[in-house]
Amino acid sequence: MAAWPAIFQYNNWPLPEQLQSYQKTPNEEELNDYLRKHDKTPDLAWVYTVIAGMLNILVIYDAFAGPAYGFAGLLGWPGAAYGDGWP
């Protein structure tokens, strides 16, 4: 439902007057002017988005395959197996 205005704008379908500029992509000149005159907030936001995506992938992996303990238990290291003093 939140993407409907973007779908209408992309296909050039008529929109109510209140939604004419809602979530509309700025033209290239406005975007370049904004990035030139302001700080690096969009770049920092991109970095945080990438980090959040990687964390989501790790959470999905953990839910699917369980926690990753590595090869320490296979190598016979003391305390490496779950329940042997592992915190």
N, C-alpha and C. Protein backbone atom coordinates (compact mmCIF):
# COMPACT_ATOMS: atom_id res chain seq x y z
N MET A 1 0.81 -1.19 0.00
CA MET A 1 0.00 0.00 0.00
C MET A 1 0.87 1.26 0.00
N ALA A 2 2.00 1.21 0.70
CA ALA A 2 2.88 2.38 0.74
C ALA A 2 3.53 2.63 -0.61
N ALA A 3 3.66 1.61 -1.45
CA ALA A 3 4.33 1.76 -2.75
C ALA A 3 3.36 2.18 -3.86
N TRP A 4 2.08 2.25 -3.58
CA TRP A 4 1.13 2.61 -4.63
C TRP A 4 1.42 3.95 -5.28
N PRO A 5 1.72 5.03 -4.52
CA PRO A 5 2.03 6.29 -5.21
C PRO A 5 3.23 6.16 -6.16
N ALA A 6 4.24 5.40 -5.76
CA ALA A 6 5.40 5.23 -6.64
C ALA A 6 5.02 4.47 -7.91
N ILE A 7 4.16 3.47 -7.78
CA ILE A 7 3.71 2.71 -8.95
C ILE A 7 2.92 3.61 -9.89
N PHE A 8 2.05 4.44 -9.32
CA PHE A 8 1.27 5.36 -10.14
C PHE A 8 2.16 6.38 -10.83
N GLN A 9 3.16 6.91 -10.11
CA GLN A 9 4.05 7.90 -10.72
C GLN A 9 4.92 7.28 -11.80
N TYR A 10 5.36 6.05 -11.60
CA TYR A 10 6.20 5.38 -12.60
C TYR A 10 5.43 5.16 -13.90
N ASN A 11 4.16 4.79 -13.77
CA ASN A 11 3.35 4.51 -14.95
C ASN A 11 2.61 5.72 -15.49
N ASN A 12 2.85 6.90 -14.89
CA ASN A 12 2.20 8.15 -15.30
C ASN A 12 0.68 8.06 -15.25
N TRP A 13 0.16 7.39 -14.26
CA TRP A 13 -1.29 7.32 -14.05
C TRP A 13 -1.71 8.53 -13.23
N PRO A 14 -2.96 8.96 -13.36
CA PRO A 14 -3.39 10.13 -12.58
C PRO A 14 -3.45 9.82 -11.09
N LEU A 15 -3.03 10.80 -10.31
CA LEU A 15 -3.01 10.69 -8.85
C LEU A 15 -3.82 11.83 -8.24
N PRO A 16 -4.36 11.62 -7.04
CA PRO A 16 -4.97 12.76 -6.34
C PRO A 16 -3.93 13.84 -6.09
N GLU A 17 -4.38 15.06 -5.96
CA GLU A 17 -3.46 16.19 -5.83
C GLU A 17 -2.54 16.07 -4.61
N GLN A 18 -3.02 15.47 -3.51
CA GLN A 18 -2.21 15.35 -2.31
C GLN A 18 -1.03 14.40 -2.52
N LEU A 19 -1.12 13.48 -3.47
CA LEU A 19 -0.08 12.47 -3.67
C LEU A 19 0.79 12.73 -4.89
N GLN A 20 0.66 13.91 -5.50
CA GLN A 20 1.44 14.20 -6.71
C GLN A 20 2.94 14.15 -6.47
N SER A 21 3.39 14.65 -5.32
CA SER A 21 4.83 14.67 -5.07
C SER A 21 5.24 13.76 -3.93
N TYR A 22 4.35 12.94 -3.41
CA TYR A 22 4.64 12.05 -2.29
C TYR A 22 5.57 10.94 -2.75
N GLN A 23 6.73 10.78 -2.12
CA GLN A 23 7.73 9.76 -2.42
C GLN A 23 8.23 9.84 -3.86
N LYS A 24 8.17 11.00 -4.43
CA LYS A 24 8.63 11.15 -5.81
C LYS A 24 10.15 11.30 -5.84
N THR A 25 10.79 10.62 -6.74
CA THR A 25 12.24 10.70 -6.89
C THR A 25 12.63 12.10 -7.36
N PRO A 26 13.60 12.73 -6.70
CA PRO A 26 14.02 14.05 -7.17
C PRO A 26 14.74 13.91 -8.51
N ASN A 27 14.67 14.99 -9.30
CA ASN A 27 15.40 14.91 -10.56
C ASN A 27 16.90 14.95 -10.28
N GLU A 28 17.67 14.66 -11.27
CA GLU A 28 19.12 14.50 -11.07
C GLU A 28 19.79 15.79 -10.63
N GLU A 29 19.34 16.93 -11.14
CA GLU A 29 19.93 18.21 -10.74
C GLU A 29 19.70 18.48 -9.25
N GLU A 30 18.48 18.25 -8.77
CA GLU A 30 18.18 18.47 -7.36
C GLU A 30 19.00 17.54 -6.48
N LEU A 31 19.13 16.30 -6.88
CA LEU A 31 19.89 15.33 -6.09
C LEU A 31 21.37 15.71 -6.04
N ASN A 32 21.96 16.06 -7.18
CA ASN A 32 23.36 16.46 -7.21
C ASN A 32 23.59 17.72 -6.38
N ASP A 33 22.66 18.67 -6.45
CA ASP A 33 22.78 19.90 -5.68
C ASP A 33 22.72 19.61 -4.18
N TYR A 34 21.82 18.72 -3.78
CA TYR A 34 21.71 18.35 -2.36
C TYR A 34 23.00 17.69 -1.87
N LEU A 35 23.52 16.75 -2.64
CA LEU A 35 24.73 16.04 -2.22
C LEU A 35 25.95 16.96 -2.19
N ARG A 36 25.97 17.95 -3.06
CA ARG A 36 27.10 18.88 -3.11
C ARG A 36 27.09 19.85 -1.93
N LYS A 37 25.89 20.29 -1.50
CA LYS A 37 25.80 21.33 -0.48
C LYS A 37 25.66 20.80 0.94
N HIS A 38 25.36 19.54 1.12
CA HIS A 38 25.12 19.00 2.46
C HIS A 38 26.24 18.04 2.87
N ASP A 39 26.08 17.49 4.07
CA ASP A 39 27.10 16.59 4.60
C ASP A 39 26.98 15.19 3.98
N LYS A 40 27.66 14.25 4.57
CA LYS A 40 27.73 12.89 4.02
C LYS A 40 26.68 11.96 4.62
N THR A 41 25.55 12.48 5.04
CA THR A 41 24.51 11.66 5.65
C THR A 41 24.03 10.54 4.74
N PRO A 42 23.78 10.79 3.44
CA PRO A 42 23.36 9.67 2.59
C PRO A 42 24.40 8.55 2.49
N ASP A 43 25.67 8.91 2.49
CA ASP A 43 26.72 7.88 2.44
C ASP A 43 26.75 7.06 3.72
N LEU A 44 26.60 7.73 4.85
CA LEU A 44 26.57 7.03 6.13
C LEU A 44 25.33 6.15 6.23
N ALA A 45 24.21 6.64 5.71
CA ALA A 45 22.99 5.82 5.70
C ALA A 45 23.19 4.57 4.86
N TRP A 46 23.89 4.69 3.74
CA TRP A 46 24.16 3.52 2.90
C TRP A 46 25.01 2.50 3.66
N VAL A 47 26.02 2.97 4.39
CA VAL A 47 26.87 2.07 5.16
C VAL A 47 26.06 1.33 6.21
N TYR A 48 25.20 2.06 6.95
CA TYR A 48 24.36 1.42 7.96
C TYR A 48 23.40 0.42 7.33
N THR A 49 22.90 0.72 6.15
CA THR A 49 22.00 -0.21 5.47
C THR A 49 22.72 -1.49 5.09
N VAL A 50 23.95 -1.38 4.62
CA VAL A 50 24.74 -2.57 4.27
C VAL A 50 25.03 -3.41 5.51
N ILE A 51 25.38 -2.75 6.61
CA ILE A 51 25.64 -3.48 7.85
C ILE A 51 24.37 -4.19 8.33
N ALA A 52 23.24 -3.51 8.27
CA ALA A 52 21.98 -4.13 8.69
C ALA A 52 21.63 -5.32 7.80
N GLY A 53 21.91 -5.22 6.51
CA GLY A 53 21.66 -6.35 5.62
C GLY A 53 22.53 -7.54 5.95
N MET A 54 23.80 -7.29 6.26
CA MET A 54 24.68 -8.40 6.64
C MET A 54 24.23 -9.05 7.94
N LEU A 55 23.79 -8.24 8.90
CA LEU A 55 23.29 -8.81 10.15
C LEU A 55 22.03 -9.64 9.92
N ASN A 56 21.18 -9.19 9.01
CA ASN A 56 19.99 -9.98 8.68
C ASN A 56 20.37 -11.32 8.08
N ILE A 57 21.38 -11.34 7.22
CA ILE A 57 21.83 -12.60 6.64
C ILE A 57 22.36 -13.53 7.73
N LEU A 58 23.11 -12.98 8.68
CA LEU A 58 23.61 -13.80 9.79
C LEU A 58 22.48 -14.34 10.65
N VAL A 59 21.46 -13.55 10.89
CA VAL A 59 20.32 -14.02 11.69
C VAL A 59 19.58 -15.13 10.95
N ILE A 60 19.41 -15.00 9.65
CA ILE A 60 18.74 -16.04 8.87
C ILE A 60 19.58 -17.32 8.90
N TYR A 61 20.89 -17.20 8.76
CA TYR A 61 21.76 -18.37 8.82
C TYR A 61 21.68 -19.03 10.18
N ASP A 62 21.69 -18.23 11.25
CA ASP A 62 21.62 -18.77 12.60
C ASP A 62 20.30 -19.49 12.82
N ALA A 63 19.20 -18.95 12.30
CA ALA A 63 17.90 -19.60 12.46
C ALA A 63 17.84 -20.90 11.65
N PHE A 64 18.50 -20.94 10.52
CA PHE A 64 18.45 -22.12 9.66
C PHE A 64 19.40 -23.22 10.13
N ALA A 65 20.64 -22.87 10.40
CA ALA A 65 21.67 -23.87 10.67
C ALA A 65 22.13 -23.91 12.12
N GLY A 66 21.63 -23.04 12.94
CA GLY A 66 22.08 -23.03 14.33
C GLY A 66 23.34 -22.21 14.49
N PRO A 67 23.79 -22.06 15.72
CA PRO A 67 24.97 -21.23 15.94
C PRO A 67 26.22 -21.83 15.31
N ALA A 68 27.10 -20.98 14.87
CA ALA A 68 28.33 -21.42 14.23
C ALA A 68 29.44 -21.49 15.27
N TYR A 69 29.83 -22.69 15.67
CA TYR A 69 30.87 -22.87 16.66
C TYR A 69 32.25 -23.00 16.03
N GLY A 70 32.32 -23.22 14.75
CA GLY A 70 33.60 -23.37 14.10
C GLY A 70 34.13 -24.79 14.21
N PHE A 71 35.44 -24.95 14.02
CA PHE A 71 36.06 -26.27 14.00
C PHE A 71 36.76 -26.61 15.32
N ALA A 72 36.59 -25.81 16.35
CA ALA A 72 37.31 -26.03 17.60
C ALA A 72 36.94 -27.37 18.22
N GLY A 73 35.67 -27.76 18.15
CA GLY A 73 35.25 -29.04 18.71
C GLY A 73 35.83 -30.21 17.95
N LEU A 74 36.00 -30.07 16.64
CA LEU A 74 36.55 -31.16 15.83
C LEU A 74 38.05 -31.33 16.07
N LEU A 75 38.71 -30.26 16.46
CA LEU A 75 40.15 -30.32 16.69
C LEU A 75 40.49 -30.82 18.09
N GLY A 76 39.48 -31.00 18.94
CA GLY A 76 39.71 -31.54 20.27
C GLY A 76 40.21 -30.53 21.28
N TRP A 77 39.98 -29.25 21.02
CA TRP A 77 40.41 -28.24 21.97
C TRP A 77 39.53 -28.31 23.21
N PRO A 78 40.09 -28.14 24.39
CA PRO A 78 39.29 -28.21 25.60
C PRO A 78 38.32 -27.04 25.70
N GLY A 79 37.11 -27.36 26.17
CA GLY A 79 36.09 -26.33 26.34
C GLY A 79 35.44 -25.88 25.06
N ALA A 80 35.73 -26.54 23.94
CA ALA A 80 35.19 -26.11 22.65
C ALA A 80 33.81 -26.67 22.40
N ALA A 81 33.51 -27.82 22.98
CA ALA A 81 32.20 -28.44 22.76
C ALA A 81 31.15 -27.74 23.61
N TYR A 82 29.96 -27.69 23.10
CA TYR A 82 28.87 -27.06 23.84
C TYR A 82 28.64 -27.80 25.16
N GLY A 83 28.64 -27.09 26.27
CA GLY A 83 28.40 -27.69 27.56
C GLY A 83 29.68 -27.99 28.32
N ASP A 84 30.84 -27.84 27.72
CA ASP A 84 32.12 -28.09 28.41
C ASP A 84 32.72 -26.77 28.91
N GLY A 85 31.95 -26.05 29.70
CA GLY A 85 32.44 -24.79 30.21
C GLY A 85 32.37 -23.66 29.21
N TRP A 86 31.72 -23.89 28.11
CA TRP A 86 31.54 -22.85 27.10
C TRP A 86 30.49 -21.88 27.61
N PRO A 87 30.76 -20.60 27.64
CA PRO A 87 29.80 -19.66 28.26
C PRO A 87 28.48 -19.60 27.54
